[in-house]
Amino acid sequence: MPPNTILVKLDNNQEYITANFPSPVKLGETVRCQSDTDGGLVEIYFDVNGSPFGSGKTEIDSNDPPLELKVPGDFTGRCYLTTLDGVKHTYDPNAKRPRTTNGGDMIVR
């Protein structure tokens, strides 16, 4: 079975990101993250309310191989995209859907 993908996209103004978390996903499935921007580095931190990867793994990035989901629950991932010019992008703080963190939710069942 192919891995689930957390796809992080840069907006048309090349300023803010959106992250599309597959949800819900099943225990034992694998997840990877990637950007729609060539060469962009995606970083996701699961340090708000636990990690779905277990063993203290709270950070993933787009260089990681697909990672197995080992813990059930609802997890918040804080996302960042660093483009080739070295700029680190995150969510628009003025978006219509306000967030308390710069992230998305991964629901593992």
PDB file of N, CA and C in Angstrom:
ATOM      1  N   MET A   1       0.846  -1.178   0.000  1.00  0.00           N
ATOM      2  CA  MET A   1       0.000   0.000   0.000  1.00  0.00           C
ATOM      3  C   MET A   1       0.896   1.246   0.000  1.00  0.00           C
ATOM      4  N   PRO A   2       0.634   2.214  -0.881  1.00  0.00           N
ATOM      5  CA  PRO A   2       1.468   3.419  -0.921  1.00  0.00           C
ATOM      6  C   PRO A   2       1.286   4.244   0.350  1.00  0.00           C
ATOM      7  N   PRO A   3       2.292   5.039   0.709  1.00  0.00           N
ATOM      8  CA  PRO A   3       2.165   5.852   1.923  1.00  0.00           C
ATOM      9  C   PRO A   3       1.138   6.970   1.744  1.00  0.00           C
ATOM     10  N   ASN A   4       0.529   7.374   2.845  1.00  0.00           N
ATOM     11  CA  ASN A   4      -0.299   8.573   2.862  1.00  0.00           C
ATOM     12  C   ASN A   4       0.641   9.772   2.783  1.00  0.00           C
ATOM     13  N   THR A   5       0.182  10.858   2.182  1.00  0.00           N
ATOM     14  CA  THR A   5       1.043  12.025   2.017  1.00  0.00           C
ATOM     15  C   THR A   5       0.420  13.257   2.655  1.00  0.00           C
ATOM     16  N   ILE A   6       1.208  13.950   3.474  1.00  0.00           N
ATOM     17  CA  ILE A   6       0.844  15.273   3.965  1.00  0.00           C
ATOM     18  C   ILE A   6       1.433  16.241   2.943  1.00  0.00           C
ATOM     19  N   LEU A   7       0.571  16.868   2.161  1.00  0.00           N
ATOM     20  CA  LEU A   7       1.025  17.741   1.087  1.00  0.00           C
ATOM     21  C   LEU A   7       0.961  19.195   1.552  1.00  0.00           C
ATOM     22  N   VAL A   8       2.109  19.863   1.510  1.00  0.00           N
ATOM     23  CA  VAL A   8       2.212  21.253   1.922  1.00  0.00           C
ATOM     24  C   VAL A   8       2.376  22.106   0.668  1.00  0.00           C
ATOM     25  N   LYS A   9       1.483  23.092   0.529  1.00  0.00           N
ATOM     26  CA  LYS A   9       1.478  23.938  -0.673  1.00  0.00           C
ATOM     27  C   LYS A   9       1.740  25.391  -0.309  1.00  0.00           C
ATOM     28  N   LEU A  10       2.503  26.056  -1.164  1.00  0.00           N
ATOM     29  CA  LEU A  10       2.762  27.482  -1.028  1.00  0.00           C
ATOM     30  C   LEU A  10       1.714  28.234  -1.845  1.00  0.00           C
ATOM     31  N   ASP A  11       1.176  29.319  -1.287  1.00  0.00           N
ATOM     32  CA  ASP A  11       0.116  30.056  -1.989  1.00  0.00           C
ATOM     33  C   ASP A  11       0.655  30.781  -3.224  1.00  0.00           C
ATOM     34  N   ASN A  12      -0.245  31.330  -4.021  1.00  0.00           N
ATOM     35  CA  ASN A  12       0.121  31.991  -5.272  1.00  0.00           C
ATOM     36  C   ASN A  12       1.036  33.195  -5.075  1.00  0.00           C
ATOM     37  N   ASN A  13       0.963  33.818  -3.889  1.00  0.00           N
ATOM     38  CA  ASN A  13       1.825  34.962  -3.596  1.00  0.00           C
ATOM     39  C   ASN A  13       3.194  34.543  -3.053  1.00  0.00           C
ATOM     40  N   GLN A  14       3.407  33.229  -2.954  1.00  0.00           N
ATOM     41  CA  GLN A  14       4.677  32.684  -2.448  1.00  0.00           C
ATOM     42  C   GLN A  14       4.967  33.174  -1.029  1.00  0.00           C
ATOM     43  N   GLU A  15       3.896  33.250  -0.207  1.00  0.00           N
ATOM     44  CA  GLU A  15       4.056  33.788   1.135  1.00  0.00           C
ATOM     45  C   GLU A  15       3.655  32.804   2.235  1.00  0.00           C
ATOM     46  N   TYR A  16       2.453  32.203   2.124  1.00  0.00           N
ATOM     47  CA  TYR A  16       1.930  31.342   3.180  1.00  0.00           C
ATOM     48  C   TYR A  16       1.679  29.931   2.652  1.00  0.00           C
ATOM     49  N   ILE A  17       1.599  28.986   3.597  1.00  0.00           N
ATOM     50  CA  ILE A  17       1.363  27.591   3.225  1.00  0.00           C
ATOM     51  C   ILE A  17      -0.008  27.118   3.675  1.00  0.00           C
ATOM     52  N   THR A  18      -0.448  26.041   3.047  1.00  0.00           N
ATOM     53  CA  THR A  18      -1.558  25.235   3.531  1.00  0.00           C
ATOM     54  C   THR A  18      -1.042  23.799   3.569  1.00  0.00           C
ATOM     55  N   ALA A  19      -1.512  23.046   4.536  1.00  0.00           N
ATOM     56  CA  ALA A  19      -1.105  21.645   4.659  1.00  0.00           C
ATOM     57  C   ALA A  19      -2.347  20.782   4.602  1.00  0.00           C
ATOM     58  N   ASN A  20      -2.291  19.772   3.765  1.00  0.00           N
ATOM     59  CA  ASN A  20      -3.409  18.841   3.616  1.00  0.00           C
ATOM     60  C   ASN A  20      -3.039  17.519   4.272  1.00  0.00           C
ATOM     61  N   PHE A  21      -3.583  17.311   5.471  1.00  0.00           N
ATOM     62  CA  PHE A  21      -3.329  16.085   6.224  1.00  0.00           C
ATOM     63  C   PHE A  21      -4.359  15.035   5.814  1.00  0.00           C
ATOM     64  N   PRO A  22      -3.913  13.837   5.444  1.00  0.00           N
ATOM     65  CA  PRO A  22      -4.885  12.773   5.181  1.00  0.00           C
ATOM     66  C   PRO A  22      -5.548  12.392   6.506  1.00  0.00           C
ATOM     67  N   SER A  23      -6.859  12.236   6.491  1.00  0.00           N
ATOM     68  CA  SER A  23      -7.512  11.962   7.756  1.00  0.00           C
ATOM     69  C   SER A  23      -8.892  11.360   7.513  1.00  0.00           C
ATOM     70  N   PRO A  24      -9.300  10.380   8.270  1.00  0.00           N
ATOM     71  CA  PRO A  24      -8.462   9.664   9.227  1.00  0.00           C
ATOM     72  C   PRO A  24      -7.553   8.658   8.523  1.00  0.00           C
ATOM     73  N   VAL A  25      -6.517   8.280   9.209  1.00  0.00           N
ATOM     74  CA  VAL A  25      -5.604   7.242   8.729  1.00  0.00           C
ATOM     75  C   VAL A  25      -5.603   6.103   9.744  1.00  0.00           C
ATOM     76  N   LYS A  26      -5.133   4.957   9.319  1.00  0.00           N
ATOM     77  CA  LYS A  26      -5.194   3.774  10.176  1.00  0.00           C
ATOM     78  C   LYS A  26      -3.846   3.456  10.805  1.00  0.00           C
ATOM     79  N   LEU A  27      -3.917   2.965  12.026  1.00  0.00           N
ATOM     80  CA  LEU A  27      -2.740   2.476  12.726  1.00  0.00           C
ATOM     81  C   LEU A  27      -2.016   1.479  11.829  1.00  0.00           C
ATOM     82  N   GLY A  28      -0.709   1.585  11.736  1.00  0.00           N
ATOM     83  CA  GLY A  28       0.064   0.673  10.906  1.00  0.00           C
ATOM     84  C   GLY A  28       0.306   1.182   9.497  1.00  0.00           C
ATOM     85  N   GLU A  29      -0.503   2.146   9.028  1.00  0.00           N
ATOM     86  CA  GLU A  29      -0.240   2.745   7.727  1.00  0.00           C
ATOM     87  C   GLU A  29       0.995   3.625   7.824  1.00  0.00           C
ATOM     88  N   THR A  30       1.505   4.048   6.678  1.00  0.00           N
ATOM     89  CA  THR A  30       2.675   4.918   6.671  1.00  0.00           C
ATOM     90  C   THR A  30       2.306   6.302   6.143  1.00  0.00           C
ATOM     91  N   VAL A  31       3.122   7.279   6.561  1.00  0.00           N
ATOM     92  CA  VAL A  31       2.906   8.679   6.189  1.00  0.00           C
ATOM     93  C   VAL A  31       4.238   9.297   5.808  1.00  0.00           C
ATOM     94  N   ARG A  32       4.181  10.173   4.829  1.00  0.00           N
ATOM     95  CA  ARG A  32       5.342  10.979   4.470  1.00  0.00           C
ATOM     96  C   ARG A  32       4.839  12.402   4.252  1.00  0.00           C
ATOM     97  N   CYS A  33       5.758  13.355   4.205  1.00  0.00           N
ATOM     98  CA  CYS A  33       5.359  14.724   3.902  1.00  0.00           C
ATOM     99  C   CYS A  33       6.163  15.219   2.714  1.00  0.00           C
ATOM    100  N   GLN A  34       5.539  16.088   1.940  1.00  0.00           N
ATOM    101  CA  GLN A  34       6.220  16.650   0.783  1.00  0.00           C
ATOM    102  C   GLN A  34       5.584  17.978   0.433  1.00  0.00           C
ATOM    103  N   SER A  35       6.290  18.727  -0.407  1.00  0.00           N
ATOM    104  CA  SER A  35       5.831  20.020  -0.856  1.00  0.00           C
ATOM    105  C   SER A  35       5.502  19.966  -2.338  1.00  0.00           C
ATOM    106  N   ASP A  36       4.666  20.895  -2.773  1.00  0.00           N
ATOM    107  CA  ASP A  36       4.426  21.025  -4.202  1.00  0.00           C
ATOM    108  C   ASP A  36       5.458  21.975  -4.827  1.00  0.00           C
ATOM    109  N   THR A  37       6.393  22.464  -4.008  1.00  0.00           N
ATOM    110  CA  THR A  37       7.444  23.372  -4.454  1.00  0.00           C
ATOM    111  C   THR A  37       8.726  22.579  -4.665  1.00  0.00           C
ATOM    112  N   ASP A  38       9.301  22.646  -5.855  1.00  0.00           N
ATOM    113  CA  ASP A  38      10.536  21.912  -6.138  1.00  0.00           C
ATOM    114  C   ASP A  38      11.635  22.318  -5.164  1.00  0.00           C
ATOM    115  N   GLY A  39      12.211  21.332  -4.504  1.00  0.00           N
ATOM    116  CA  GLY A  39      13.326  21.574  -3.612  1.00  0.00           C
ATOM    117  C   GLY A  39      12.956  22.118  -2.251  1.00  0.00           C
ATOM    118  N   GLY A  40      11.672  22.330  -1.995  1.00  0.00           N
ATOM    119  CA  GLY A  40      11.265  22.861  -0.695  1.00  0.00           C
ATOM    120  C   GLY A  40      11.367  21.795   0.389  1.00  0.00           C
ATOM    121  N   LEU A  41      11.812  22.201   1.573  1.00  0.00           N
ATOM    122  CA  LEU A  41      11.919  21.296   2.714  1.00  0.00           C
ATOM    123  C   LEU A  41      10.718  21.491   3.625  1.00  0.00           C
ATOM    124  N   VAL A  42       9.932  20.449   3.811  1.00  0.00           N
ATOM    125  CA  VAL A  42       8.789  20.472   4.722  1.00  0.00           C
ATOM    126  C   VAL A  42       9.254  19.930   6.062  1.00  0.00           C
ATOM    127  N   GLU A  43       8.884  20.632   7.131  1.00  0.00           N
ATOM    128  CA  GLU A  43       9.131  20.171   8.499  1.00  0.00           C
ATOM    129  C   GLU A  43       7.805  20.195   9.239  1.00  0.00           C
ATOM    130  N   ILE A  44       7.512  19.108   9.939  1.00  0.00           N
ATOM    131  CA  ILE A  44       6.286  19.024  10.728  1.00  0.00           C
ATOM    132  C   ILE A  44       6.669  18.561  12.128  1.00  0.00           C
ATOM    133  N   TYR A  45       6.215  19.329  13.123  1.00  0.00           N
ATOM    134  CA  TYR A  45       6.515  19.029  14.524  1.00  0.00           C
ATOM    135  C   TYR A  45       5.239  18.568  15.218  1.00  0.00           C
ATOM    136  N   PHE A  46       5.289  17.377  15.777  1.00  0.00           N
ATOM    137  CA  PHE A  46       4.170  16.826  16.552  1.00  0.00           C
ATOM    138  C   PHE A  46       4.528  16.962  18.026  1.00  0.00           C
ATOM    139  N   ASP A  47       4.544  18.203  18.527  1.00  0.00           N
ATOM    140  CA  ASP A  47       4.945  18.449  19.906  1.00  0.00           C
ATOM    141  C   ASP A  47       3.892  19.208  20.704  1.00  0.00           C
ATOM    142  N   VAL A  48       2.672  19.264  20.172  1.00  0.00           N
ATOM    143  CA  VAL A  48       1.594  19.961  20.862  1.00  0.00           C
ATOM    144  C   VAL A  48       0.842  18.998  21.783  1.00  0.00           C
ATOM    145  N   ASN A  49       0.399  17.872  21.237  1.00  0.00           N
ATOM    146  CA  ASN A  49      -0.398  16.911  22.018  1.00  0.00           C
ATOM    147  C   ASN A  49       0.001  15.468  21.705  1.00  0.00           C
ATOM    148  N   GLY A  50       1.284  15.233  21.522  1.00  0.00           N
ATOM    149  CA  GLY A  50       1.781  13.887  21.281  1.00  0.00           C
ATOM    150  C   GLY A  50       2.090  13.632  19.822  1.00  0.00           C
ATOM    151  N   SER A  51       2.656  12.460  19.580  1.00  0.00           N
ATOM    152  CA  SER A  51       3.088  12.087  18.238  1.00  0.00           C
ATOM    153  C   SER A  51       2.479  10.759  17.822  1.00  0.00           C
ATOM    154  N   PRO A  52       2.048  10.650  16.564  1.00  0.00           N
ATOM    155  CA  PRO A  52       1.499   9.381  16.092  1.00  0.00           C
ATOM    156  C   PRO A  52       2.569   8.339  15.765  1.00  0.00           C
ATOM    157  N   PHE A  53       3.846   8.710  15.897  1.00  0.00           N
ATOM    158  CA  PHE A  53       4.923   7.812  15.501  1.00  0.00           C
ATOM    159  C   PHE A  53       5.557   7.055  16.664  1.00  0.00           C
ATOM    160  N   GLY A  54       5.230   7.409  17.893  1.00  0.00           N
ATOM    161  CA  GLY A  54       5.767   6.722  19.055  1.00  0.00           C
ATOM    162  C   GLY A  54       7.261   6.948  19.234  1.00  0.00           C
ATOM    163  N   SER A  55       7.832   6.329  20.234  1.00  0.00           N
ATOM    164  CA  SER A  55       9.272   6.343  20.517  1.00  0.00           C
ATOM    165  C   SER A  55       9.872   7.746  20.551  1.00  0.00           C
ATOM    166  N   GLY A  56       9.097   8.742  20.953  1.00  0.00           N
ATOM    167  CA  GLY A  56       9.612  10.087  21.074  1.00  0.00           C
ATOM    168  C   GLY A  56       9.879  10.795  19.758  1.00  0.00           C
ATOM    169  N   LYS A  57       9.416  10.239  18.647  1.00  0.00           N
ATOM    170  CA  LYS A  57       9.617  10.869  17.327  1.00  0.00           C
ATOM    171  C   LYS A  57       8.600  11.988  17.180  1.00  0.00           C
ATOM    172  N   THR A  58       9.037  13.236  17.374  1.00  0.00           N
ATOM    173  CA  THR A  58       8.118  14.369  17.325  1.00  0.00           C
ATOM    174  C   THR A  58       8.341  15.268  16.111  1.00  0.00           C
ATOM    175  N   GLU A  59       9.316  14.951  15.277  1.00  0.00           N
ATOM    176  CA  GLU A  59       9.585  15.772  14.099  1.00  0.00           C
ATOM    177  C   GLU A  59       9.768  14.888  12.878  1.00  0.00           C
ATOM    178  N   ILE A  60       9.129  15.282  11.774  1.00  0.00           N
ATOM    179  CA  ILE A  60       9.366  14.613  10.497  1.00  0.00           C
ATOM    180  C   ILE A  60       9.668  15.684   9.458  1.00  0.00           C
ATOM    181  N   ASP A  61      10.356  15.294   8.409  1.00  0.00           N
ATOM    182  CA  ASP A  61      10.571  16.239   7.315  1.00  0.00           C
ATOM    183  C   ASP A  61      10.520  15.497   5.983  1.00  0.00           C
ATOM    184  N   SER A  62      10.556  16.263   4.918  1.00  0.00           N
ATOM    185  CA  SER A  62      10.365  15.683   3.593  1.00  0.00           C
ATOM    186  C   SER A  62      11.553  14.840   3.126  1.00  0.00           C
ATOM    187  N   ASN A  63      12.630  14.786   3.904  1.00  0.00           N
ATOM    188  CA  ASN A  63      13.742  13.883   3.586  1.00  0.00           C
ATOM    189  C   ASN A  63      13.569  12.506   4.213  1.00  0.00           C
ATOM    190  N   ASP A  64      12.622  12.376   5.145  1.00  0.00           N
ATOM    191  CA  ASP A  64      12.387  11.097   5.815  1.00  0.00           C
ATOM    192  C   ASP A  64      11.710  10.099   4.884  1.00  0.00           C
ATOM    193  N   PRO A  65      11.996   8.818   5.071  1.00  0.00           N
ATOM    194  CA  PRO A  65      11.224   7.802   4.353  1.00  0.00           C
ATOM    195  C   PRO A  65       9.817   7.747   4.961  1.00  0.00           C
ATOM    196  N   PRO A  66       8.865   7.068   4.320  1.00  0.00           N
ATOM    197  CA  PRO A  66       7.540   6.914   4.934  1.00  0.00           C
ATOM    198  C   PRO A  66       7.667   6.324   6.341  1.00  0.00           C
ATOM    199  N   LEU A  67       6.930   6.906   7.284  1.00  0.00           N
ATOM    200  CA  LEU A  67       6.996   6.501   8.683  1.00  0.00           C
ATOM    201  C   LEU A  67       5.699   5.828   9.106  1.00  0.00           C
ATOM    202  N   GLU A  68       5.820   4.770   9.901  1.00  0.00           N
ATOM    203  CA  GLU A  68       4.659   4.017  10.354  1.00  0.00           C
ATOM    204  C   GLU A  68       3.930   4.737  11.484  1.00  0.00           C
ATOM    205  N   LEU A  69       2.603   4.754  11.406  1.00  0.00           N
ATOM    206  CA  LEU A  69       1.769   5.307  12.467  1.00  0.00           C
ATOM    207  C   LEU A  69       1.615   4.258  13.554  1.00  0.00           C
ATOM    208  N   LYS A  70       2.099   4.574  14.768  1.00  0.00           N
ATOM    209  CA  LYS A  70       2.158   3.587  15.836  1.00  0.00           C
ATOM    210  C   LYS A  70       1.265   3.879  17.033  1.00  0.00           C
ATOM    211  N   VAL A  71       0.679   5.091  17.077  1.00  0.00           N
ATOM    212  CA  VAL A  71      -0.117   5.495  18.232  1.00  0.00           C
ATOM    213  C   VAL A  71      -1.454   6.050  17.744  1.00  0.00           C
ATOM    214  N   PRO A  72      -2.594   5.536  18.258  1.00  0.00           N
ATOM    215  CA  PRO A  72      -3.887   6.097  17.863  1.00  0.00           C
ATOM    216  C   PRO A  72      -4.160   7.407  18.602  1.00  0.00           C
ATOM    217  N   GLY A  73      -4.968   8.266  17.977  1.00  0.00           N
ATOM    218  CA  GLY A  73      -5.361   9.518  18.623  1.00  0.00           C
ATOM    219  C   GLY A  73      -5.481  10.648  17.625  1.00  0.00           C
ATOM    220  N   ASP A  74      -5.704  11.837  18.154  1.00  0.00           N
ATOM    221  CA  ASP A  74      -5.791  13.062  17.354  1.00  0.00           C
ATOM    222  C   ASP A  74      -4.552  13.894  17.659  1.00  0.00           C
ATOM    223  N   PHE A  75      -3.762  14.190  16.636  1.00  0.00           N
ATOM    224  CA  PHE A  75      -2.475  14.847  16.832  1.00  0.00           C
ATOM    225  C   PHE A  75      -2.399  16.124  16.005  1.00  0.00           C
ATOM    226  N   THR A  76      -1.828  17.164  16.586  1.00  0.00           N
ATOM    227  CA  THR A  76      -1.617  18.422  15.886  1.00  0.00           C
ATOM    228  C   THR A  76      -0.176  18.480  15.410  1.00  0.00           C
ATOM    229  N   GLY A  77      -0.020  18.741  14.115  1.00  0.00           N
ATOM    230  CA  GLY A  77       1.316  18.900  13.540  1.00  0.00           C
ATOM    231  C   GLY A  77       1.534  20.345  13.129  1.00  0.00           C
ATOM    232  N   ARG A  78       2.603  20.964  13.643  1.00  0.00           N
ATOM    233  CA  ARG A  78       2.952  22.336  13.244  1.00  0.00           C
ATOM    234  C   ARG A  78       3.837  22.251  12.007  1.00  0.00           C
ATOM    235  N   CYS A  79       3.445  22.925  10.934  1.00  0.00           N
ATOM    236  CA  CYS A  79       4.102  22.770   9.627  1.00  0.00           C
ATOM    237  C   CYS A  79       4.864  24.012   9.198  1.00  0.00           C
ATOM    238  N   TYR A  80       5.977  23.748   8.517  1.00  0.00           N
ATOM    239  CA  TYR A  80       6.796  24.812   7.942  1.00  0.00           C
ATOM    240  C   TYR A  80       7.327  24.330   6.606  1.00  0.00           C
ATOM    241  N   LEU A  81       7.535  25.275   5.698  1.00  0.00           N
ATOM    242  CA  LEU A  81       8.127  24.982   4.400  1.00  0.00           C
ATOM    243  C   LEU A  81       9.266  25.972   4.182  1.00  0.00           C
ATOM    244  N   THR A  82      10.487  25.445   4.009  1.00  0.00           N
ATOM    245  CA  THR A  82      11.626  26.286   3.692  1.00  0.00           C
ATOM    246  C   THR A  82      11.902  26.148   2.202  1.00  0.00           C
ATOM    247  N   THR A  83      11.799  27.263   1.493  1.00  0.00           N
ATOM    248  CA  THR A  83      12.023  27.256   0.052  1.00  0.00           C
ATOM    249  C   THR A  83      13.515  27.380  -0.248  1.00  0.00           C
ATOM    250  N   LEU A  84      13.882  27.161  -1.494  1.00  0.00           N
ATOM    251  CA  LEU A  84      15.295  27.164  -1.883  1.00  0.00           C
ATOM    252  C   LEU A  84      15.993  28.489  -1.606  1.00  0.00           C
ATOM    253  N   ASP A  85      15.238  29.575  -1.500  1.00  0.00           N
ATOM    254  CA  ASP A  85      15.848  30.870  -1.185  1.00  0.00           C
ATOM    255  C   ASP A  85      16.087  31.064   0.310  1.00  0.00           C
ATOM    256  N   GLY A  86      15.796  30.008   1.116  1.00  0.00           N
ATOM    257  CA  GLY A  86      16.054  30.039   2.548  1.00  0.00           C
ATOM    258  C   GLY A  86      14.942  30.631   3.395  1.00  0.00           C
ATOM    259  N   VAL A  87      13.826  31.009   2.781  1.00  0.00           N
ATOM    260  CA  VAL A  87      12.709  31.587   3.529  1.00  0.00           C
ATOM    261  C   VAL A  87      11.865  30.474   4.126  1.00  0.00           C
ATOM    262  N   LYS A  88      11.564  30.598   5.435  1.00  0.00           N
ATOM    263  CA  LYS A  88      10.706  29.623   6.117  1.00  0.00           C
ATOM    264  C   LYS A  88       9.286  30.167   6.135  1.00  0.00           C
ATOM    265  N   HIS A  89       8.356  29.415   5.515  1.00  0.00           N
ATOM    266  CA  HIS A  89       6.959  29.827   5.387  1.00  0.00           C
ATOM    267  C   HIS A  89       6.095  29.038   6.363  1.00  0.00           C
ATOM    268  N   THR A  90       5.026  29.678   6.829  1.00  0.00           N
ATOM    269  CA  THR A  90       4.051  29.005   7.669  1.00  0.00           C
ATOM    270  C   THR A  90       2.656  29.493   7.264  1.00  0.00           C
ATOM    271  N   TYR A  91       1.670  29.281   8.119  1.00  0.00           N
ATOM    272  CA  TYR A  91       0.286  29.619   7.796  1.00  0.00           C
ATOM    273  C   TYR A  91       0.027  31.118   7.846  1.00  0.00           C
ATOM    274  N   ASP A  92      -0.984  31.556   7.120  1.00  0.00           N
ATOM    275  CA  ASP A  92      -1.424  32.942   7.143  1.00  0.00           C
ATOM    276  C   ASP A  92      -2.131  33.198   8.476  1.00  0.00           C
ATOM    277  N   PRO A  93      -1.598  34.114   9.289  1.00  0.00           N
ATOM    278  CA  PRO A  93      -2.243  34.372  10.592  1.00  0.00           C
ATOM    279  C   PRO A  93      -3.614  35.027  10.459  1.00  0.00           C
ATOM    280  N   ASN A  94      -3.935  35.551   9.281  1.00  0.00           N
ATOM    281  CA  ASN A  94      -5.225  36.210   9.060  1.00  0.00           C
ATOM    282  C   ASN A  94      -6.207  35.348   8.280  1.00  0.00           C
ATOM    283  N   ALA A  95      -5.919  34.063   8.163  1.00  0.00           N
ATOM    284  CA  ALA A  95      -6.798  33.159   7.418  1.00  0.00           C
ATOM    285  C   ALA A  95      -8.178  33.118   8.070  1.00  0.00           C
ATOM    286  N   LYS A  96      -9.183  32.799   7.262  1.00  0.00           N
ATOM    287  CA  LYS A  96     -10.560  32.748   7.766  1.00  0.00           C
ATOM    288  C   LYS A  96     -10.743  31.702   8.848  1.00  0.00           C
ATOM    289  N   ARG A  97      -9.944  30.647   8.790  1.00  0.00           N
ATOM    290  CA  ARG A  97     -10.034  29.582   9.791  1.00  0.00           C
ATOM    291  C   ARG A  97      -8.864  29.744  10.763  1.00  0.00           C
ATOM    292  N   PRO A  98      -9.052  30.531  11.831  1.00  0.00           N
ATOM    293  CA  PRO A  98      -7.932  30.779  12.736  1.00  0.00           C
ATOM    294  C   PRO A  98      -7.483  29.513  13.445  1.00  0.00           C
ATOM    295  N   ARG A  99      -6.212  29.442  13.699  1.00  0.00           N
ATOM    296  CA  ARG A  99      -5.621  28.290  14.383  1.00  0.00           C
ATOM    297  C   ARG A  99      -4.859  28.778  15.602  1.00  0.00           C
ATOM    298  N   THR A 100      -4.787  27.941  16.599  1.00  0.00           N
ATOM    299  CA  THR A 100      -3.975  28.278  17.758  1.00  0.00           C
ATOM    300  C   THR A 100      -2.530  27.866  17.532  1.00  0.00           C
ATOM    301  N   THR A 101      -2.298  27.018  16.555  1.00  0.00           N
ATOM    302  CA  THR A 101      -0.938  26.615  16.194  1.00  0.00           C
ATOM    303  C   THR A 101      -0.831  26.655  14.678  1.00  0.00           C
ATOM    304  N   ASN A 102       0.385  26.652  14.174  1.00  0.00           N
ATOM    305  CA  ASN A 102       0.612  26.630  12.736  1.00  0.00           C
ATOM    306  C   ASN A 102       0.610  25.205  12.247  1.00  0.00           C
ATOM    307  N   GLY A 103      -0.539  24.587  12.188  1.00  0.00           N
ATOM    308  CA  GLY A 103      -0.529  23.184  11.808  1.00  0.00           C
ATOM    309  C   GLY A 103      -1.838  22.624  11.353  1.00  0.00           C
ATOM    310  N   GLY A 104      -1.833  21.319  11.277  1.00  0.00           N
ATOM    311  CA  GLY A 104      -3.007  20.573  10.869  1.00  0.00           C
ATOM    312  C   GLY A 104      -3.203  19.406  11.807  1.00  0.00           C
ATOM    313  N   ASP A 105      -4.298  18.690  11.628  1.00  0.00           N
ATOM    314  CA  ASP A 105      -4.636  17.595  12.522  1.00  0.00           C
ATOM    315  C   ASP A 105      -4.508  16.256  11.812  1.00  0.00           C
ATOM    316  N   MET A 106      -3.837  15.327  12.482  1.00  0.00           N
ATOM    317  CA  MET A 106      -3.741  13.959  11.991  1.00  0.00           C
ATOM    318  C   MET A 106      -4.546  13.079  12.941  1.00  0.00           C
ATOM    319  N   ILE A 107      -5.550  12.424  12.386  1.00  0.00           N
ATOM    320  CA  ILE A 107      -6.408  11.542  13.187  1.00  0.00           C
ATOM    321  C   ILE A 107      -6.040  10.109  12.825  1.00  0.00           C
ATOM    322  N   VAL A 108      -5.579   9.359  13.832  1.00  0.00           N
ATOM    323  CA  VAL A 108      -5.140   7.979  13.631  1.00  0.00           C
ATOM    324  C   VAL A 108      -6.104   7.069  14.394  1.00  0.00           C
ATOM    325  N   ARG A 109      -6.706   6.112  13.679  1.00  0.00           N
ATOM    326  CA  ARG A 109      -7.666   5.176  14.301  1.00  0.00           C
ATOM    327  C   ARG A 109      -7.177   3.756  14.193  1.00  0.00           C
TER     328      ARG A 109
END
